[in-house]
Full PDB file with SEQRES, HELIX, SHEET, SSBOND, CRYST1, ORIGX, SCALE, CONECT and MASTER records, all heavy atoms in Angstrom:
SEQRES   1 A   39  GLN LEU GLU GLN GLU ALA GLU THR LEU LYS ARG ASN VAL          
SEQRES   2 A   39  ASP LEU ARG THR HIS GLU THR SER PRO ALA PRO ALA ALA          
SEQRES   3 A   39  PRO ALA ALA PRO ALA ALA PRO ALA ALA PRO ALA THR HIS          
HELIX    1 AA1 LEU A    2  THR A   20  1                                  19    
CRYST1    1.000    1.000    1.000  90.00  90.00  90.00 P 1           1          
ORIGX1      1.000000  0.000000  0.000000        0.00000                         
ORIGX2      0.000000  1.000000  0.000000        0.00000                         
ORIGX3      0.000000  0.000000  1.000000        0.00000                         
SCALE1      1.000000  0.000000  0.000000        0.00000                         
SCALE2      0.000000  1.000000  0.000000        0.00000                         
SCALE3      0.000000  0.000000  1.000000        0.00000                         
ATOM      1  N   GLN A   1      -3.944 -25.979 -21.584  1.00  0.00           N  
ATOM      2  CA  GLN A   1      -2.625 -25.550 -21.150  1.00  0.00           C  
ATOM      3  C   GLN A   1      -2.489 -24.033 -21.214  1.00  0.00           C  
ATOM      4  O   GLN A   1      -1.924 -23.414 -20.315  1.00  0.00           O  
ATOM      5  CB  GLN A   1      -1.541 -26.200 -22.000  1.00  0.00           C  
ATOM      6  CG  GLN A   1      -1.315 -27.656 -21.689  1.00  0.00           C  
ATOM      7  CD  GLN A   1      -0.264 -28.285 -22.595  1.00  0.00           C  
ATOM      8  OE1 GLN A   1       0.188 -27.672 -23.557  1.00  0.00           O  
ATOM      9  NE2 GLN A   1       0.108 -29.510 -22.290  1.00  0.00           N  
ATOM     10  N   LEU A   2      -3.014 -23.431 -22.281  1.00  0.00           N  
ATOM     11  CA  LEU A   2      -2.968 -21.976 -22.386  1.00  0.00           C  
ATOM     12  C   LEU A   2      -3.757 -21.317 -21.261  1.00  0.00           C  
ATOM     13  O   LEU A   2      -3.301 -20.337 -20.662  1.00  0.00           O  
ATOM     14  CB  LEU A   2      -3.513 -21.514 -23.734  1.00  0.00           C  
ATOM     15  CG  LEU A   2      -2.591 -21.685 -24.934  1.00  0.00           C  
ATOM     16  CD1 LEU A   2      -3.287 -21.220 -26.207  1.00  0.00           C  
ATOM     17  CD2 LEU A   2      -1.315 -20.913 -24.737  1.00  0.00           C  
ATOM     18  N   GLU A   3      -4.940 -21.843 -20.965  1.00  0.00           N  
ATOM     19  CA  GLU A   3      -5.745 -21.284 -19.879  1.00  0.00           C  
ATOM     20  C   GLU A   3      -5.035 -21.448 -18.540  1.00  0.00           C  
ATOM     21  O   GLU A   3      -5.064 -20.551 -17.696  1.00  0.00           O  
ATOM     22  CB  GLU A   3      -7.118 -21.953 -19.845  1.00  0.00           C  
ATOM     23  CG  GLU A   3      -8.010 -21.569 -21.003  1.00  0.00           C  
ATOM     24  CD  GLU A   3      -9.304 -22.371 -21.049  1.00  0.00           C  
ATOM     25  OE1 GLU A   3      -9.463 -23.319 -20.240  1.00  0.00           O  
ATOM     26  OE2 GLU A   3     -10.146 -22.049 -21.894  1.00  0.00           O  
ATOM     27  N   GLN A   4      -4.372 -22.603 -18.350  1.00  0.00           N  
ATOM     28  CA  GLN A   4      -3.655 -22.852 -17.105  1.00  0.00           C  
ATOM     29  C   GLN A   4      -2.486 -21.880 -16.963  1.00  0.00           C  
ATOM     30  O   GLN A   4      -2.266 -21.308 -15.880  1.00  0.00           O  
ATOM     31  CB  GLN A   4      -3.154 -24.300 -17.109  1.00  0.00           C  
ATOM     32  CG  GLN A   4      -2.817 -24.871 -15.777  1.00  0.00           C  
ATOM     33  CD  GLN A   4      -2.487 -26.356 -15.900  1.00  0.00           C  
ATOM     34  OE1 GLN A   4      -1.858 -26.785 -16.868  1.00  0.00           O  
ATOM     35  NE2 GLN A   4      -2.912 -27.137 -14.923  1.00  0.00           N  
ATOM     36  N   GLU A   5      -1.729 -21.671 -18.033  1.00  0.00           N  
ATOM     37  CA  GLU A   5      -0.610 -20.731 -17.990  1.00  0.00           C  
ATOM     38  C   GLU A   5      -1.101 -19.302 -17.764  1.00  0.00           C  
ATOM     39  O   GLU A   5      -0.493 -18.544 -17.013  1.00  0.00           O  
ATOM     40  CB  GLU A   5       0.209 -20.801 -19.280  1.00  0.00           C  
ATOM     41  CG  GLU A   5       1.027 -22.067 -19.414  1.00  0.00           C  
ATOM     42  CD  GLU A   5       2.084 -22.194 -18.333  1.00  0.00           C  
ATOM     43  OE1 GLU A   5       2.688 -21.173 -17.962  1.00  0.00           O  
ATOM     44  OE2 GLU A   5       2.296 -23.320 -17.864  1.00  0.00           O  
ATOM     45  N   ALA A   6      -2.203 -18.942 -18.413  1.00  0.00           N  
ATOM     46  CA  ALA A   6      -2.753 -17.598 -18.224  1.00  0.00           C  
ATOM     47  C   ALA A   6      -3.181 -17.391 -16.772  1.00  0.00           C  
ATOM     48  O   ALA A   6      -2.947 -16.334 -16.188  1.00  0.00           O  
ATOM     49  CB  ALA A   6      -3.924 -17.372 -19.170  1.00  0.00           C  
ATOM     50  N   GLU A   7      -3.785 -18.405 -16.185  1.00  0.00           N  
ATOM     51  CA  GLU A   7      -4.209 -18.306 -14.783  1.00  0.00           C  
ATOM     52  C   GLU A   7      -2.996 -18.203 -13.856  1.00  0.00           C  
ATOM     53  O   GLU A   7      -3.001 -17.418 -12.906  1.00  0.00           O  
ATOM     54  CB  GLU A   7      -5.063 -19.522 -14.406  1.00  0.00           C  
ATOM     55  CG  GLU A   7      -5.661 -19.442 -13.027  1.00  0.00           C  
ATOM     56  CD  GLU A   7      -6.644 -18.307 -12.868  1.00  0.00           C  
ATOM     57  OE1 GLU A   7      -7.310 -17.920 -13.843  1.00  0.00           O  
ATOM     58  OE2 GLU A   7      -6.741 -17.776 -11.741  1.00  0.00           O  
ATOM     59  N   THR A   8      -1.940 -18.964 -14.152  1.00  0.00           N  
ATOM     60  CA  THR A   8      -0.721 -18.903 -13.345  1.00  0.00           C  
ATOM     61  C   THR A   8      -0.091 -17.514 -13.438  1.00  0.00           C  
ATOM     62  O   THR A   8       0.301 -16.934 -12.418  1.00  0.00           O  
ATOM     63  CB  THR A   8       0.286 -19.968 -13.817  1.00  0.00           C  
ATOM     64  OG1 THR A   8      -0.328 -21.254 -13.717  1.00  0.00           O  
ATOM     65  CG2 THR A   8       1.547 -19.943 -12.980  1.00  0.00           C  
ATOM     66  N   LEU A   9      -0.001 -16.977 -14.650  1.00  0.00           N  
ATOM     67  CA  LEU A   9       0.556 -15.635 -14.815  1.00  0.00           C  
ATOM     68  C   LEU A   9      -0.295 -14.593 -14.101  1.00  0.00           C  
ATOM     69  O   LEU A   9       0.223 -13.669 -13.487  1.00  0.00           O  
ATOM     70  CB  LEU A   9       0.668 -15.293 -16.301  1.00  0.00           C  
ATOM     71  CG  LEU A   9       1.768 -16.018 -17.066  1.00  0.00           C  
ATOM     72  CD1 LEU A   9       1.684 -15.708 -18.546  1.00  0.00           C  
ATOM     73  CD2 LEU A   9       3.126 -15.632 -16.525  1.00  0.00           C  
ATOM     74  N   LYS A  10      -1.603 -14.754 -14.174  1.00  0.00           N  
ATOM     75  CA  LYS A  10      -2.501 -13.806 -13.511  1.00  0.00           C  
ATOM     76  C   LYS A  10      -2.293 -13.849 -11.998  1.00  0.00           C  
ATOM     77  O   LYS A  10      -2.237 -12.809 -11.346  1.00  0.00           O  
ATOM     78  CB  LYS A  10      -3.946 -14.139 -13.859  1.00  0.00           C  
ATOM     79  CG  LYS A  10      -4.948 -13.170 -13.306  1.00  0.00           C  
ATOM     80  CD  LYS A  10      -6.353 -13.546 -13.726  1.00  0.00           C  
ATOM     81  CE  LYS A  10      -7.360 -12.608 -13.124  1.00  0.00           C  
ATOM     82  NZ  LYS A  10      -8.722 -12.972 -13.490  1.00  0.00           N  
ATOM     83  N   ARG A  11      -2.157 -15.062 -11.444  1.00  0.00           N  
ATOM     84  CA  ARG A  11      -1.916 -15.190 -10.007  1.00  0.00           C  
ATOM     85  C   ARG A  11      -0.575 -14.570  -9.620  1.00  0.00           C  
ATOM     86  O   ARG A  11      -0.470 -13.892  -8.602  1.00  0.00           O  
ATOM     87  CB  ARG A  11      -1.950 -16.657  -9.577  1.00  0.00           C  
ATOM     88  CG  ARG A  11      -3.343 -17.125  -9.240  1.00  0.00           C  
ATOM     89  CD  ARG A  11      -3.316 -18.477  -8.562  1.00  0.00           C  
ATOM     90  NE  ARG A  11      -3.878 -19.424  -9.526  1.00  0.00           N  
ATOM     91  CZ  ARG A  11      -3.316 -20.539  -9.927  1.00  0.00           C  
ATOM     92  NH1 ARG A  11      -2.176 -20.932  -9.436  1.00  0.00           N  
ATOM     93  NH2 ARG A  11      -3.897 -21.313 -10.823  1.00  0.00           N  
ATOM     94  N   ASN A  12       0.463 -14.792 -10.446  1.00  0.00           N  
ATOM     95  CA  ASN A  12       1.778 -14.214 -10.153  1.00  0.00           C  
ATOM     96  C   ASN A  12       1.725 -12.695 -10.176  1.00  0.00           C  
ATOM     97  O   ASN A  12       2.316 -12.033  -9.329  1.00  0.00           O  
ATOM     98  CB  ASN A  12       2.817 -14.717 -11.147  1.00  0.00           C  
ATOM     99  CG  ASN A  12       3.200 -16.155 -10.888  1.00  0.00           C  
ATOM    100  OD1 ASN A  12       2.939 -16.699  -9.825  1.00  0.00           O  
ATOM    101  ND2 ASN A  12       3.804 -16.788 -11.880  1.00  0.00           N  
ATOM    102  N   VAL A  13       1.021 -12.135 -11.151  1.00  0.00           N  
ATOM    103  CA  VAL A  13       0.906 -10.680 -11.232  1.00  0.00           C  
ATOM    104  C   VAL A  13       0.118 -10.151 -10.042  1.00  0.00           C  
ATOM    105  O   VAL A  13       0.492  -9.143  -9.443  1.00  0.00           O  
ATOM    106  CB  VAL A  13       0.247 -10.265 -12.573  1.00  0.00           C  
ATOM    107  CG1 VAL A  13      -0.146  -8.808 -12.560  1.00  0.00           C  
ATOM    108  CG2 VAL A  13       1.189 -10.550 -13.727  1.00  0.00           C  
ATOM    109  N   ASP A  14      -0.949 -10.841  -9.669  1.00  0.00           N  
ATOM    110  CA  ASP A  14      -1.727 -10.411  -8.504  1.00  0.00           C  
ATOM    111  C   ASP A  14      -0.884 -10.451  -7.237  1.00  0.00           C  
ATOM    112  O   ASP A  14      -0.946  -9.544  -6.415  1.00  0.00           O  
ATOM    113  CB  ASP A  14      -2.968 -11.285  -8.326  1.00  0.00           C  
ATOM    114  CG  ASP A  14      -4.043 -11.004  -9.365  1.00  0.00           C  
ATOM    115  OD1 ASP A  14      -3.962  -9.938 -10.023  1.00  0.00           O  
ATOM    116  OD2 ASP A  14      -4.943 -11.842  -9.524  1.00  0.00           O  
ATOM    117  N   LEU A  15      -0.076 -11.501  -7.082  1.00  0.00           N  
ATOM    118  CA  LEU A  15       0.777 -11.599  -5.893  1.00  0.00           C  
ATOM    119  C   LEU A  15       1.809 -10.485  -5.876  1.00  0.00           C  
ATOM    120  O   LEU A  15       2.082  -9.893  -4.837  1.00  0.00           O  
ATOM    121  CB  LEU A  15       1.476 -12.959  -5.847  1.00  0.00           C  
ATOM    122  CG  LEU A  15       0.591 -14.159  -5.508  1.00  0.00           C  
ATOM    123  CD1 LEU A  15       1.398 -15.443  -5.600  1.00  0.00           C  
ATOM    124  CD2 LEU A  15      -0.004 -14.017  -4.124  1.00  0.00           C  
ATOM    125  N   ARG A  16       2.387 -10.187  -7.036  1.00  0.00           N  
ATOM    126  CA  ARG A  16       3.395  -9.126  -7.087  1.00  0.00           C  
ATOM    127  C   ARG A  16       2.784  -7.772  -6.793  1.00  0.00           C  
ATOM    128  O   ARG A  16       3.392  -6.955  -6.120  1.00  0.00           O  
ATOM    129  CB  ARG A  16       4.069  -9.100  -8.462  1.00  0.00           C  
ATOM    130  CG  ARG A  16       5.015 -10.247  -8.655  1.00  0.00           C  
ATOM    131  CD  ARG A  16       5.723 -10.154  -9.977  1.00  0.00           C  
ATOM    132  NE  ARG A  16       6.502 -11.353 -10.183  1.00  0.00           N  
ATOM    133  CZ  ARG A  16       6.890 -11.783 -11.351  1.00  0.00           C  
ATOM    134  NH1 ARG A  16       6.579 -11.114 -12.441  1.00  0.00           N  
ATOM    135  NH2 ARG A  16       7.596 -12.881 -11.463  1.00  0.00           N  
ATOM    136  N   THR A  17       1.591  -7.517  -7.276  1.00  0.00           N  
ATOM    137  CA  THR A  17       0.975  -6.225  -7.002  1.00  0.00           C  
ATOM    138  C   THR A  17       0.611  -6.109  -5.528  1.00  0.00           C  
ATOM    139  O   THR A  17       0.694  -5.031  -4.956  1.00  0.00           O  
ATOM    140  CB  THR A  17      -0.270  -5.995  -7.870  1.00  0.00           C  
ATOM    141  OG1 THR A  17      -1.197  -7.060  -7.670  1.00  0.00           O  
ATOM    142  CG2 THR A  17       0.101  -5.897  -9.331  1.00  0.00           C  
ATOM    143  N   HIS A  18       0.225  -7.221  -4.907  1.00  0.00           N  
ATOM    144  CA  HIS A  18      -0.098  -7.164  -3.479  1.00  0.00           C  
ATOM    145  C   HIS A  18       1.165  -7.000  -2.644  1.00  0.00           C  
ATOM    146  O   HIS A  18       1.138  -6.370  -1.600  1.00  0.00           O  
ATOM    147  CB  HIS A  18      -0.848  -8.424  -3.033  1.00  0.00           C  
ATOM    148  CG  HIS A  18      -2.248  -8.488  -3.563  1.00  0.00           C  
ATOM    149  ND1 HIS A  18      -3.190  -7.530  -3.282  1.00  0.00           N  
ATOM    150  CD2 HIS A  18      -2.866  -9.381  -4.374  1.00  0.00           C  
ATOM    151  CE1 HIS A  18      -4.324  -7.843  -3.884  1.00  0.00           C  
ATOM    152  NE2 HIS A  18      -4.142  -8.958  -4.564  1.00  0.00           N  
ATOM    153  N   GLU A  19       2.294  -7.591  -3.115  1.00  0.00           N  
ATOM    154  CA  GLU A  19       3.539  -7.463  -2.356  1.00  0.00           C  
ATOM    155  C   GLU A  19       4.105  -6.054  -2.458  1.00  0.00           C  
ATOM    156  O   GLU A  19       4.650  -5.532  -1.501  1.00  0.00           O  
ATOM    157  CB  GLU A  19       4.577  -8.456  -2.886  1.00  0.00           C  
ATOM    158  CG  GLU A  19       4.284  -9.890  -2.521  1.00  0.00           C  
ATOM    159  CD  GLU A  19       5.261 -10.856  -3.167  1.00  0.00           C  
ATOM    160  OE1 GLU A  19       6.151 -10.407  -3.914  1.00  0.00           O  
ATOM    161  OE2 GLU A  19       5.134 -12.058  -2.923  1.00  0.00           O  
ATOM    162  N   THR A  20       3.992  -5.426  -3.623  1.00  0.00           N  
ATOM    163  CA  THR A  20       4.600  -4.119  -3.822  1.00  0.00           C  
ATOM    164  C   THR A  20       3.690  -2.967  -3.459  1.00  0.00           C  
ATOM    165  O   THR A  20       4.156  -1.850  -3.311  1.00  0.00           O  
ATOM    166  CB  THR A  20       5.037  -3.936  -5.288  1.00  0.00           C  
ATOM    167  OG1 THR A  20       3.884  -4.092  -6.126  1.00  0.00           O  
ATOM    168  CG2 THR A  20       6.099  -4.949  -5.652  1.00  0.00           C  
ATOM    169  N   SER A  21       2.403  -3.208  -3.308  1.00  0.00           N  
ATOM    170  CA  SER A  21       1.513  -2.108  -2.969  1.00  0.00           C  
ATOM    171  C   SER A  21       1.740  -1.709  -1.515  1.00  0.00           C  
ATOM    172  O   SER A  21       1.908  -2.549  -0.646  1.00  0.00           O  
ATOM    173  CB  SER A  21       0.047  -2.500  -3.185  1.00  0.00           C  
ATOM    174  OG  SER A  21      -0.309  -3.541  -2.306  1.00  0.00           O  
ATOM    175  N   PRO A  22       1.780  -0.411  -1.266  1.00  0.00           N  
ATOM    176  CA  PRO A  22       2.007   0.032   0.105  1.00  0.00           C  
ATOM    177  C   PRO A  22       0.811  -0.290   0.987  1.00  0.00           C  
ATOM    178  O   PRO A  22      -0.323  -0.344   0.533  1.00  0.00           O  
ATOM    179  CB  PRO A  22       2.199   1.547  -0.034  1.00  0.00           C  
ATOM    180  CG  PRO A  22       1.495   1.906  -1.302  1.00  0.00           C  
ATOM    181  CD  PRO A  22       1.606   0.680  -2.186  1.00  0.00           C  
ATOM    182  N   ALA A  23       1.110  -0.515   2.242  1.00  0.00           N  
ATOM    183  CA  ALA A  23       0.031  -0.783   3.195  1.00  0.00           C  
ATOM    184  C   ALA A  23      -0.791   0.482   3.369  1.00  0.00           C  
ATOM    185  O   ALA A  23      -0.268   1.596   3.293  1.00  0.00           O  
ATOM    186  CB  ALA A  23       0.629  -1.219   4.529  1.00  0.00           C  
ATOM    187  N   PRO A  24      -2.080   0.337   3.569  1.00  0.00           N  
ATOM    188  CA  PRO A  24      -2.896   1.532   3.750  1.00  0.00           C  
ATOM    189  C   PRO A  24      -2.427   2.316   4.965  1.00  0.00           C  
ATOM    190  O   PRO A  24      -2.279   1.778   6.053  1.00  0.00           O  
ATOM    191  CB  PRO A  24      -4.314   1.005   3.949  1.00  0.00           C  
ATOM    192  CG  PRO A  24      -4.218  -0.474   3.991  1.00  0.00           C  
ATOM    193  CD  PRO A  24      -2.830  -0.877   3.636  1.00  0.00           C  
ATOM    194  N   ALA A  25      -2.153   3.575   4.737  1.00  0.00           N  
ATOM    195  CA  ALA A  25      -1.659   4.428   5.814  1.00  0.00           C  
ATOM    196  C   ALA A  25      -2.817   4.873   6.698  1.00  0.00           C  
ATOM    197  O   ALA A  25      -3.928   5.088   6.230  1.00  0.00           O  
ATOM    198  CB  ALA A  25      -0.949   5.651   5.235  1.00  0.00           C  
ATOM    199  N   ALA A  26      -2.500   5.015   7.975  1.00  0.00           N  
ATOM    200  CA  ALA A  26      -3.509   5.510   8.910  1.00  0.00           C  
ATOM    201  C   ALA A  26      -3.729   6.994   8.628  1.00  0.00           C  
ATOM    202  O   ALA A  26      -2.793   7.713   8.288  1.00  0.00           O  
ATOM    203  CB  ALA A  26      -3.035   5.307  10.342  1.00  0.00           C  
ATOM    204  N   PRO A  27      -4.955   7.446   8.717  1.00  0.00           N  
ATOM    205  CA  PRO A  27      -5.201   8.869   8.442  1.00  0.00           C  
ATOM    206  C   PRO A  27      -4.441   9.729   9.442  1.00  0.00           C  
ATOM    207  O   PRO A  27      -4.423   9.463  10.637  1.00  0.00           O  
ATOM    208  CB  PRO A  27      -6.711   9.028   8.599  1.00  0.00           C  
ATOM    209  CG  PRO A  27      -7.175   7.806   9.320  1.00  0.00           C  
ATOM    210  CD  PRO A  27      -6.159   6.742   9.084  1.00  0.00           C  
ATOM    211  N   ALA A  28      -3.793  10.748   8.919  1.00  0.00           N  
ATOM    212  CA  ALA A  28      -2.994  11.624   9.767  1.00  0.00           C  
ATOM    213  C   ALA A  28      -3.911  12.541  10.569  1.00  0.00           C  
ATOM    214  O   ALA A  28      -4.916  13.038  10.073  1.00  0.00           O  
ATOM    215  CB  ALA A  28      -2.051  12.452   8.906  1.00  0.00           C  
ATOM    216  N   ALA A  29      -3.548  12.739  11.813  1.00  0.00           N  
ATOM    217  CA  ALA A  29      -4.317  13.643  12.663  1.00  0.00           C  
ATOM    218  C   ALA A  29      -4.001  15.074  12.232  1.00  0.00           C  
ATOM    219  O   ALA A  29      -2.878  15.382  11.861  1.00  0.00           O  
ATOM    220  CB  ALA A  29      -3.942  13.426  14.119  1.00  0.00           C  
ATOM    221  N   PRO A  30      -4.986  15.947  12.265  1.00  0.00           N  
ATOM    222  CA  PRO A  30      -4.706  17.334  11.877  1.00  0.00           C  
ATOM    223  C   PRO A  30      -3.682  17.944  12.826  1.00  0.00           C  
ATOM    224  O   PRO A  30      -3.747  17.776  14.043  1.00  0.00           O  
ATOM    225  CB  PRO A  30      -6.058  18.033  11.988  1.00  0.00           C  
ATOM    226  CG  PRO A  30      -6.953  17.107  12.731  1.00  0.00           C  
ATOM    227  CD  PRO A  30      -6.354  15.736  12.648  1.00  0.00           C  
ATOM    228  N   ALA A  31      -2.729  18.623  12.215  1.00  0.00           N  
ATOM    229  CA  ALA A  31      -1.652  19.210  13.022  1.00  0.00           C  
ATOM    230  C   ALA A  31      -2.145  20.488  13.684  1.00  0.00           C  
ATOM    231  O   ALA A  31      -2.764  21.337  13.055  1.00  0.00           O  
ATOM    232  CB  ALA A  31      -0.445  19.515  12.145  1.00  0.00           C  
ATOM    233  N   ALA A  32      -1.857  20.581  14.972  1.00  0.00           N  
ATOM    234  CA  ALA A  32      -2.225  21.790  15.718  1.00  0.00           C  
ATOM    235  C   ALA A  32      -1.137  22.826  15.492  1.00  0.00           C  
ATOM    236  O   ALA A  32       0.035  22.482  15.367  1.00  0.00           O  
ATOM    237  CB  ALA A  32      -2.361  21.473  17.198  1.00  0.00           C  
ATOM    238  N   PRO A  33      -1.484  24.106  15.427  1.00  0.00           N  
ATOM    239  CA  PRO A  33      -0.447  25.120  15.249  1.00  0.00           C  
ATOM    240  C   PRO A  33       0.492  25.105  16.444  1.00  0.00           C  
ATOM    241  O   PRO A  33       0.082  24.978  17.593  1.00  0.00           O  
ATOM    242  CB  PRO A  33      -1.217  26.433  15.154  1.00  0.00           C  
ATOM    243  CG  PRO A  33      -2.610  26.140  15.586  1.00  0.00           C  
ATOM    244  CD  PRO A  33      -2.809  24.660  15.499  1.00  0.00           C  
ATOM    245  N   ALA A  34       1.776  25.189  16.140  1.00  0.00           N  
ATOM    246  CA  ALA A  34       2.790  25.127  17.201  1.00  0.00           C  
ATOM    247  C   ALA A  34       2.837  26.465  17.940  1.00  0.00           C  
ATOM    248  O   ALA A  34       2.904  27.520  17.331  1.00  0.00           O  
ATOM    249  CB  ALA A  34       4.146  24.806  16.603  1.00  0.00           C  
ATOM    250  N   ALA A  35       2.810  26.360  19.239  1.00  0.00           N  
ATOM    251  CA  ALA A  35       2.910  27.564  20.081  1.00  0.00           C  
ATOM    252  C   ALA A  35       4.375  27.795  20.402  1.00  0.00           C  
ATOM    253  O   ALA A  35       5.143  26.840  20.531  1.00  0.00           O  
ATOM    254  CB  ALA A  35       2.101  27.374  21.351  1.00  0.00           C  
ATOM    255  N   PRO A  36       4.780  29.026  20.507  1.00  0.00           N  
ATOM    256  CA  PRO A  36       6.183  29.283  20.856  1.00  0.00           C  
ATOM    257  C   PRO A  36       6.496  28.730  22.241  1.00  0.00           C  
ATOM    258  O   PRO A  36       5.670  28.778  23.147  1.00  0.00           O  
ATOM    259  CB  PRO A  36       6.306  30.796  20.815  1.00  0.00           C  
ATOM    260  CG  PRO A  36       4.933  31.354  20.713  1.00  0.00           C  
ATOM    261  CD  PRO A  36       4.023  30.251  20.306  1.00  0.00           C  
ATOM    262  N   ALA A  37       7.674  28.176  22.359  1.00  0.00           N  
ATOM    263  CA  ALA A  37       8.090  27.580  23.636  1.00  0.00           C  
ATOM    264  C   ALA A  37       8.358  28.689  24.649  1.00  0.00           C  
ATOM    265  O   ALA A  37       8.974  29.692  24.332  1.00  0.00           O  
ATOM    266  CB  ALA A  37       9.343  26.744  23.432  1.00  0.00           C  
ATOM    267  N   THR A  38       7.897  28.444  25.859  1.00  0.00           N  
ATOM    268  CA  THR A  38       8.094  29.444  26.902  1.00  0.00           C  
ATOM    269  C   THR A  38       9.371  29.197  27.667  1.00  0.00           C  
ATOM    270  O   THR A  38      10.009  30.124  28.105  1.00  0.00           O  
ATOM    271  CB  THR A  38       6.890  29.450  27.856  1.00  0.00           C  
ATOM    272  OG1 THR A  38       6.718  28.142  28.366  1.00  0.00           O  
ATOM    273  CG2 THR A  38       5.649  29.911  27.140  1.00  0.00           C  
ATOM    274  N   HIS A  39       9.735  27.931  27.847  1.00  0.00           N  
ATOM    275  CA  HIS A  39      10.992  27.633  28.503  1.00  0.00           C  
ATOM    276  C   HIS A  39      11.587  26.379  27.885  1.00  0.00           C  
ATOM    277  O   HIS A  39      10.908  25.603  27.241  1.00  0.00           O  
ATOM    278  CB  HIS A  39      10.827  27.503  30.028  1.00  0.00           C  
ATOM    279  CG  HIS A  39       9.735  26.571  30.430  1.00  0.00           C  
ATOM    280  ND1 HIS A  39       9.898  25.226  30.509  1.00  0.00           N  
ATOM    281  CD2 HIS A  39       8.438  26.828  30.779  1.00  0.00           C  
ATOM    282  CE1 HIS A  39       8.766  24.673  30.892  1.00  0.00           C  
ATOM    283  NE2 HIS A  39       7.863  25.615  31.055  1.00  0.00           N  
TER     284      HIS A  39                                                      
MASTER        0    0    0    1    0    0    0    6  283    1    0    3          
END                                                                             
């Protein structure tokens, strides 16, 4: 019973960490220097 409860708690903690962890962000493209607007 103790092993079963420990496994259940471990699964719950794993699920919570997967739910709250942010999704992997896509790598940002390097920003090009902004040129002054001509018009």
